[in-house]
């Protein structure tokens, strides 16, 4: 769900060039550097928070909230003055990559909710889902290129550059509802279980 915004990394410069004539090719390098930094920073922040709060649910919910903020910011970029749009887009991508850092806790969540018998299968499902999400972003971007454009108002557009973001926002809302309704915190881990879980993670990696 969180990787659809990255599908636009390939064409983001073209889109920004059409809505902000002040940018230069230097922006492309700055954009790439900042988004990678955002992902690294998000991974550290969410890992520290999850460990301190001892909560998987709140960590993922914060990640979804940051993700929705970034998606909405991208969709309303035309509200901002032209010379500021490059910074708004940079903020949107950076926030989204920070949000993706919340997924790091899934590797710790799996051994807490799976049994020793099905743990390897559980890791396989999680890793497969993450790989599918990476492929889904470019796939959706390719699929919407032929869809007609629709501009509801001057700053709210349904075009090939925003269709994937509308899709991602919808999926993000669905994921948030699922986390709130279906996800439960696992029981506090015992020392022996923590050592066993750590060994399982090493094996699965």
C-alpha atoms as a PDB file:
ATOM      1  CA  UNK A   1       0.000   0.000   0.000  1.00  0.00           C
ATOM      2  CA  UNK A   2       2.704   2.471   0.909  1.00  0.00           C
ATOM      3  CA  UNK A   3       4.818   2.002  -2.194  1.00  0.00           C
ATOM      4  CA  UNK A   4       2.375   3.360  -4.780  1.00  0.00           C
ATOM      5  CA  UNK A   5       3.695   6.882  -4.305  1.00  0.00           C
ATOM      6  CA  UNK A   6       7.142   5.602  -5.271  1.00  0.00           C
ATOM      7  CA  UNK A   7       5.721   4.581  -8.641  1.00  0.00           C
ATOM      8  CA  UNK A   8       5.752   8.256  -9.510  1.00  0.00           C
ATOM      9  CA  UNK A   9       9.475   8.593  -8.816  1.00  0.00           C
ATOM     10  CA  UNK A  10      10.145   7.861 -12.475  1.00  0.00           C
ATOM     11  CA  UNK A  11       7.862  10.588 -13.816  1.00  0.00           C
ATOM     12  CA  UNK A  12       7.695  12.993 -10.884  1.00  0.00           C
ATOM     13  CA  UNK A  13      10.130  15.437 -12.487  1.00  0.00           C
ATOM     14  CA  UNK A  14       7.907  15.672 -15.578  1.00  0.00           C
ATOM     15  CA  UNK A  15       4.850  16.365 -13.446  1.00  0.00           C
ATOM     16  CA  UNK A  16       6.616  18.928 -11.293  1.00  0.00           C
ATOM     17  CA  UNK A  17       8.021  20.636 -14.372  1.00  0.00           C
ATOM     18  CA  UNK A  18       4.474  21.130 -15.632  1.00  0.00           C
ATOM     19  CA  UNK A  19       3.263  22.747 -12.400  1.00  0.00           C
ATOM     20  CA  UNK A  20       6.449  24.510 -11.253  1.00  0.00           C
ATOM     21  CA  UNK A  21       8.495  26.167 -13.974  1.00  0.00           C
ATOM     22  CA  UNK A  22      11.114  27.368 -11.480  1.00  0.00           C
ATOM     23  CA  UNK A  23      12.746  23.980 -10.815  1.00  0.00           C
ATOM     24  CA  UNK A  24      16.062  22.861 -12.296  1.00  0.00           C
ATOM     25  CA  UNK A  25      17.483  19.375 -12.996  1.00  0.00           C
ATOM     26  CA  UNK A  26      19.325  19.618  -9.671  1.00  0.00           C
ATOM     27  CA  UNK A  27      15.987  18.958  -7.999  1.00  0.00           C
ATOM     28  CA  UNK A  28      15.940  15.364  -9.274  1.00  0.00           C
ATOM     29  CA  UNK A  29      19.085  14.545  -7.298  1.00  0.00           C
ATOM     30  CA  UNK A  30      17.826  16.371  -4.220  1.00  0.00           C
ATOM     31  CA  UNK A  31      14.538  14.507  -4.450  1.00  0.00           C
ATOM     32  CA  UNK A  32      16.198  11.090  -4.603  1.00  0.00           C
ATOM     33  CA  UNK A  33      18.567  11.867  -1.724  1.00  0.00           C
ATOM     34  CA  UNK A  34      15.838  13.218   0.543  1.00  0.00           C
ATOM     35  CA  UNK A  35      13.468  10.303  -0.017  1.00  0.00           C
ATOM     36  CA  UNK A  36      16.143   7.730   0.788  1.00  0.00           C
ATOM     37  CA  UNK A  37      17.041   9.697   3.899  1.00  0.00           C
ATOM     38  CA  UNK A  38      13.370   9.785   4.875  1.00  0.00           C
ATOM     39  CA  UNK A  39      13.070   6.010   4.666  1.00  0.00           C
ATOM     40  CA  UNK A  40      16.169   5.458   6.806  1.00  0.00           C
ATOM     41  CA  UNK A  41      14.991   8.026   9.349  1.00  0.00           C
ATOM     42  CA  UNK A  42      11.500   6.544   9.488  1.00  0.00           C
ATOM     43  CA  UNK A  43      12.832   3.042  10.109  1.00  0.00           C
ATOM     44  CA  UNK A  44      14.883   4.240  13.077  1.00  0.00           C
ATOM     45  CA  UNK A  45      12.132   6.415  14.554  1.00  0.00           C
ATOM     46  CA  UNK A  46       9.416   3.770  14.337  1.00  0.00           C
ATOM     47  CA  UNK A  47      11.698   1.036  15.665  1.00  0.00           C
ATOM     48  CA  UNK A  48      12.590   3.174  18.693  1.00  0.00           C
ATOM     49  CA  UNK A  49       8.962   4.160  19.253  1.00  0.00           C
ATOM     50  CA  UNK A  50       7.659   0.586  18.984  1.00  0.00           C
ATOM     51  CA  UNK A  51      10.279  -0.604  21.471  1.00  0.00           C
ATOM     52  CA  UNK A  52       9.562   2.239  23.912  1.00  0.00           C
ATOM     53  CA  UNK A  53       5.762   2.116  23.657  1.00  0.00           C
ATOM     54  CA  UNK A  54       5.645  -1.691  23.528  1.00  0.00           C
ATOM     55  CA  UNK A  55       2.845  -1.345  20.978  1.00  0.00           C
ATOM     56  CA  UNK A  56       2.576  -2.644  17.430  1.00  0.00           C
ATOM     57  CA  UNK A  57      -0.887  -1.232  16.789  1.00  0.00           C
ATOM     58  CA  UNK A  58      -0.147   2.388  17.656  1.00  0.00           C
ATOM     59  CA  UNK A  59       3.087   2.267  15.650  1.00  0.00           C
ATOM     60  CA  UNK A  60       1.294   1.118  12.518  1.00  0.00           C
ATOM     61  CA  UNK A  61      -1.519   3.635  13.049  1.00  0.00           C
ATOM     62  CA  UNK A  62       0.965   6.488  13.312  1.00  0.00           C
ATOM     63  CA  UNK A  63       2.575   5.226  10.117  1.00  0.00           C
ATOM     64  CA  UNK A  64      -0.803   5.213   8.342  1.00  0.00           C
ATOM     65  CA  UNK A  65      -1.537   8.734   9.602  1.00  0.00           C
ATOM     66  CA  UNK A  66       1.773  10.040   8.250  1.00  0.00           C
ATOM     67  CA  UNK A  67       1.106   8.225   4.985  1.00  0.00           C
ATOM     68  CA  UNK A  68      -2.349   9.794   4.594  1.00  0.00           C
ATOM     69  CA  UNK A  69      -0.870  13.209   5.317  1.00  0.00           C
ATOM     70  CA  UNK A  70       1.708  12.755   2.564  1.00  0.00           C
ATOM     71  CA  UNK A  71      -0.878  11.525   0.051  1.00  0.00           C
ATOM     72  CA  UNK A  72      -3.286  14.391   0.723  1.00  0.00           C
ATOM     73  CA  UNK A  73      -0.403  16.860   0.511  1.00  0.00           C
ATOM     74  CA  UNK A  74       0.475  15.486  -2.923  1.00  0.00           C
ATOM     75  CA  UNK A  75      -3.133  15.717  -4.111  1.00  0.00           C
ATOM     76  CA  UNK A  76      -3.582  19.352  -3.062  1.00  0.00           C
ATOM     77  CA  UNK A  77      -0.180  20.554  -4.284  1.00  0.00           C
ATOM     78  CA  UNK A  78      -1.782  22.970  -6.746  1.00  0.00           C
ATOM     79  CA  UNK A  79      -3.124  25.023  -3.827  1.00  0.00           C
ATOM     80  CA  UNK A  80       0.404  26.206  -3.073  1.00  0.00           C
ATOM     81  CA  UNK A  81       2.217  28.999  -4.971  1.00  0.00           C
ATOM     82  CA  UNK A  82       4.152  27.732  -7.978  1.00  0.00           C
ATOM     83  CA  UNK A  83       7.607  28.479  -6.557  1.00  0.00           C
ATOM     84  CA  UNK A  84       6.827  26.397  -3.413  1.00  0.00           C
ATOM     85  CA  UNK A  85       5.468  23.294  -5.122  1.00  0.00           C
ATOM     86  CA  UNK A  86       8.839  21.601  -5.416  1.00  0.00           C
ATOM     87  CA  UNK A  87       9.264  21.810  -1.636  1.00  0.00           C
ATOM     88  CA  UNK A  88       5.711  20.570  -1.049  1.00  0.00           C
ATOM     89  CA  UNK A  89       6.347  17.573  -3.292  1.00  0.00           C
ATOM     90  CA  UNK A  90       9.643  16.931  -1.544  1.00  0.00           C
ATOM     91  CA  UNK A  91       7.841  16.982   1.803  1.00  0.00           C
ATOM     92  CA  UNK A  92       5.143  14.603   0.532  1.00  0.00           C
ATOM     93  CA  UNK A  93       7.635  12.035  -0.721  1.00  0.00           C
ATOM     94  CA  UNK A  94       9.804  12.377   2.387  1.00  0.00           C
ATOM     95  CA  UNK A  95       6.825  11.883   4.706  1.00  0.00           C
ATOM     96  CA  UNK A  96       5.680   8.853   2.731  1.00  0.00           C
ATOM     97  CA  UNK A  97       9.087   7.217   2.999  1.00  0.00           C
ATOM     98  CA  UNK A  98       9.126   7.953   6.724  1.00  0.00           C
ATOM     99  CA  UNK A  99       5.720   6.253   6.974  1.00  0.00           C
ATOM    100  CA  UNK A 100       7.106   3.168   5.236  1.00  0.00           C
ATOM    101  CA  UNK A 101       9.577   2.866   8.102  1.00  0.00           C
ATOM    102  CA  UNK A 102       6.706   1.691  10.319  1.00  0.00           C
ATOM    103  CA  UNK A 103       6.647  -1.602   8.416  1.00  0.00           C
ATOM    104  CA  UNK A 104       9.928  -2.585  10.065  1.00  0.00           C
ATOM    105  CA  UNK A 105       7.993  -3.774  13.128  1.00  0.00           C
ATOM    106  CA  UNK A 106       6.198  -6.468  11.095  1.00  0.00           C
ATOM    107  CA  UNK A 107       9.310  -8.651  11.422  1.00  0.00           C
ATOM    108  CA  UNK A 108       8.877  -8.521  15.192  1.00  0.00           C
ATOM    109  CA  UNK A 109       5.094  -8.884  15.079  1.00  0.00           C
ATOM    110  CA  UNK A 110       5.109 -12.133  13.095  1.00  0.00           C
ATOM    111  CA  UNK A 111       6.822 -14.335  15.725  1.00  0.00           C
ATOM    112  CA  UNK A 112       4.546 -12.891  18.411  1.00  0.00           C
ATOM    113  CA  UNK A 113       1.320 -13.959  16.708  1.00  0.00           C
ATOM    114  CA  UNK A 114       2.435 -17.148  14.930  1.00  0.00           C
ATOM    115  CA  UNK A 115       3.195 -20.583  16.264  1.00  0.00           C
ATOM    116  CA  UNK A 116       6.500 -22.369  15.928  1.00  0.00           C
ATOM    117  CA  UNK A 117       4.882 -24.660  13.359  1.00  0.00           C
ATOM    118  CA  UNK A 118       3.647 -21.954  10.970  1.00  0.00           C
ATOM    119  CA  UNK A 119       6.216 -19.219  11.609  1.00  0.00           C
ATOM    120  CA  UNK A 120       8.211 -19.784   8.423  1.00  0.00           C
ATOM    121  CA  UNK A 121       5.013 -19.711   6.372  1.00  0.00           C
ATOM    122  CA  UNK A 122       3.989 -16.471   8.094  1.00  0.00           C
ATOM    123  CA  UNK A 123       7.318 -14.846   7.209  1.00  0.00           C
ATOM    124  CA  UNK A 124       6.923 -16.051   3.643  1.00  0.00           C
ATOM    125  CA  UNK A 125       3.500 -14.414   3.367  1.00  0.00           C
ATOM    126  CA  UNK A 126       4.778 -11.125   4.798  1.00  0.00           C
ATOM    127  CA  UNK A 127       7.836 -11.031   2.532  1.00  0.00           C
ATOM    128  CA  UNK A 128       5.695 -11.944  -0.480  1.00  0.00           C
ATOM    129  CA  UNK A 129       3.188  -9.184   0.346  1.00  0.00           C
ATOM    130  CA  UNK A 130       5.967  -6.601   0.603  1.00  0.00           C
ATOM    131  CA  UNK A 131       7.366  -7.677  -2.759  1.00  0.00           C
ATOM    132  CA  UNK A 132       3.906  -7.484  -4.327  1.00  0.00           C
ATOM    133  CA  UNK A 133       3.490  -3.954  -2.965  1.00  0.00           C
ATOM    134  CA  UNK A 134       6.715  -2.903  -4.679  1.00  0.00           C
ATOM    135  CA  UNK A 135       5.413  -4.259  -8.000  1.00  0.00           C
ATOM    136  CA  UNK A 136       1.900  -2.884  -7.468  1.00  0.00           C
ATOM    137  CA  UNK A 137       3.011   0.746  -7.530  1.00  0.00           C
ATOM    138  CA  UNK A 138       4.485   0.757 -11.065  1.00  0.00           C
ATOM    139  CA  UNK A 139       1.722  -1.594 -12.201  1.00  0.00           C
ATOM    140  CA  UNK A 140      -1.005   0.814 -11.123  1.00  0.00           C
ATOM    141  CA  UNK A 141       0.870   3.737 -12.652  1.00  0.00           C
ATOM    142  CA  UNK A 142       1.035   1.875 -15.978  1.00  0.00           C
ATOM    143  CA  UNK A 143      -2.634   0.877 -15.810  1.00  0.00           C
ATOM    144  CA  UNK A 144      -3.935   4.423 -15.315  1.00  0.00           C
ATOM    145  CA  UNK A 145      -1.981   6.065 -18.132  1.00  0.00           C
ATOM    146  CA  UNK A 146      -4.884   5.575 -20.555  1.00  0.00           C
ATOM    147  CA  UNK A 147      -7.635   6.765 -18.205  1.00  0.00           C
ATOM    148  CA  UNK A 148      -9.372  10.054 -19.102  1.00  0.00           C
ATOM    149  CA  UNK A 149      -8.444  13.167 -17.193  1.00  0.00           C
ATOM    150  CA  UNK A 150     -10.953  14.880 -14.948  1.00  0.00           C
ATOM    151  CA  UNK A 151     -10.487  18.153 -13.080  1.00  0.00           C
ATOM    152  CA  UNK A 152     -13.088  18.636 -10.376  1.00  0.00           C
ATOM    153  CA  UNK A 153     -11.778  22.077  -9.474  1.00  0.00           C
ATOM    154  CA  UNK A 154      -8.647  24.009 -10.384  1.00  0.00           C
ATOM    155  CA  UNK A 155      -6.502  22.415  -7.657  1.00  0.00           C
ATOM    156  CA  UNK A 156      -8.118  18.965  -7.438  1.00  0.00           C
ATOM    157  CA  UNK A 157      -7.328  16.786 -10.432  1.00  0.00           C
ATOM    158  CA  UNK A 158      -7.828  13.198 -11.542  1.00  0.00           C
ATOM    159  CA  UNK A 159      -4.986  12.681 -14.010  1.00  0.00           C
ATOM    160  CA  UNK A 160      -2.385   9.925 -14.599  1.00  0.00           C
ATOM    161  CA  UNK A 161      -0.098  11.653 -12.101  1.00  0.00           C
ATOM    162  CA  UNK A 162      -2.728  11.554  -9.339  1.00  0.00           C
ATOM    163  CA  UNK A 163      -4.772   8.395 -10.035  1.00  0.00           C
ATOM    164  CA  UNK A 164      -2.211   6.175  -8.225  1.00  0.00           C
ATOM    165  CA  UNK A 165      -2.313   8.520  -5.238  1.00  0.00           C
ATOM    166  CA  UNK A 166      -6.108   8.385  -5.024  1.00  0.00           C
ATOM    167  CA  UNK A 167      -5.790   4.579  -5.134  1.00  0.00           C
ATOM    168  CA  UNK A 168      -3.128   4.608  -2.453  1.00  0.00           C
ATOM    169  CA  UNK A 169      -5.193   6.906  -0.228  1.00  0.00           C
ATOM    170  CA  UNK A 170      -8.178   4.560  -0.479  1.00  0.00           C
ATOM    171  CA  UNK A 171      -6.030   1.538   0.364  1.00  0.00           C
ATOM    172  CA  UNK A 172      -4.440   3.421   3.231  1.00  0.00           C
ATOM    173  CA  UNK A 173      -7.857   4.188   4.720  1.00  0.00           C
ATOM    174  CA  UNK A 174      -8.864   0.525   4.355  1.00  0.00           C
ATOM    175  CA  UNK A 175      -5.620  -0.580   6.030  1.00  0.00           C
ATOM    176  CA  UNK A 176      -6.236   1.842   8.905  1.00  0.00           C
ATOM    177  CA  UNK A 177      -9.728   0.443   9.460  1.00  0.00           C
ATOM    178  CA  UNK A 178      -8.390  -3.128   9.423  1.00  0.00           C
ATOM    179  CA  UNK A 179      -5.684  -2.232  11.957  1.00  0.00           C
ATOM    180  CA  UNK A 180      -8.237  -0.563  14.250  1.00  0.00           C
ATOM    181  CA  UNK A 181     -10.841  -3.320  14.014  1.00  0.00           C
ATOM    182  CA  UNK A 182      -8.903  -6.551  13.563  1.00  0.00           C
ATOM    183  CA  UNK A 183      -5.418  -6.072  14.968  1.00  0.00           C
ATOM    184  CA  UNK A 184      -4.782  -6.958  18.606  1.00  0.00           C
ATOM    185  CA  UNK A 185      -1.661  -6.514  20.683  1.00  0.00           C
ATOM    186  CA  UNK A 186       0.108  -9.812  21.446  1.00  0.00           C
ATOM    187  CA  UNK A 187       0.665 -10.873  25.043  1.00  0.00           C
ATOM    188  CA  UNK A 188       3.881  -9.625  26.724  1.00  0.00           C
ATOM    189  CA  UNK A 189       6.803 -11.717  25.555  1.00  0.00           C
ATOM    190  CA  UNK A 190       8.773 -13.896  27.946  1.00  0.00           C
ATOM    191  CA  UNK A 191      12.570 -13.978  27.917  1.00  0.00           C
ATOM    192  CA  UNK A 192      12.745 -17.486  26.480  1.00  0.00           C
ATOM    193  CA  UNK A 193      10.243 -16.573  23.746  1.00  0.00           C
ATOM    194  CA  UNK A 194      12.226 -13.470  22.876  1.00  0.00           C
ATOM    195  CA  UNK A 195      15.390 -15.534  22.369  1.00  0.00           C
ATOM    196  CA  UNK A 196      13.457 -18.059  20.250  1.00  0.00           C
ATOM    197  CA  UNK A 197      11.880 -15.293  18.167  1.00  0.00           C
ATOM    198  CA  UNK A 198      15.252 -13.705  17.597  1.00  0.00           C
ATOM    199  CA  UNK A 199      16.615 -17.005  16.334  1.00  0.00           C
ATOM    200  CA  UNK A 200      13.640 -17.399  13.991  1.00  0.00           C
ATOM    201  CA  UNK A 201      14.237 -13.960  12.525  1.00  0.00           C
ATOM    202  CA  UNK A 202      17.873 -14.766  11.827  1.00  0.00           C
ATOM    203  CA  UNK A 203      16.880 -18.009  10.116  1.00  0.00           C
ATOM    204  CA  UNK A 204      14.201 -16.341   7.992  1.00  0.00           C
ATOM    205  CA  UNK A 205      16.576 -13.591   6.866  1.00  0.00           C
END
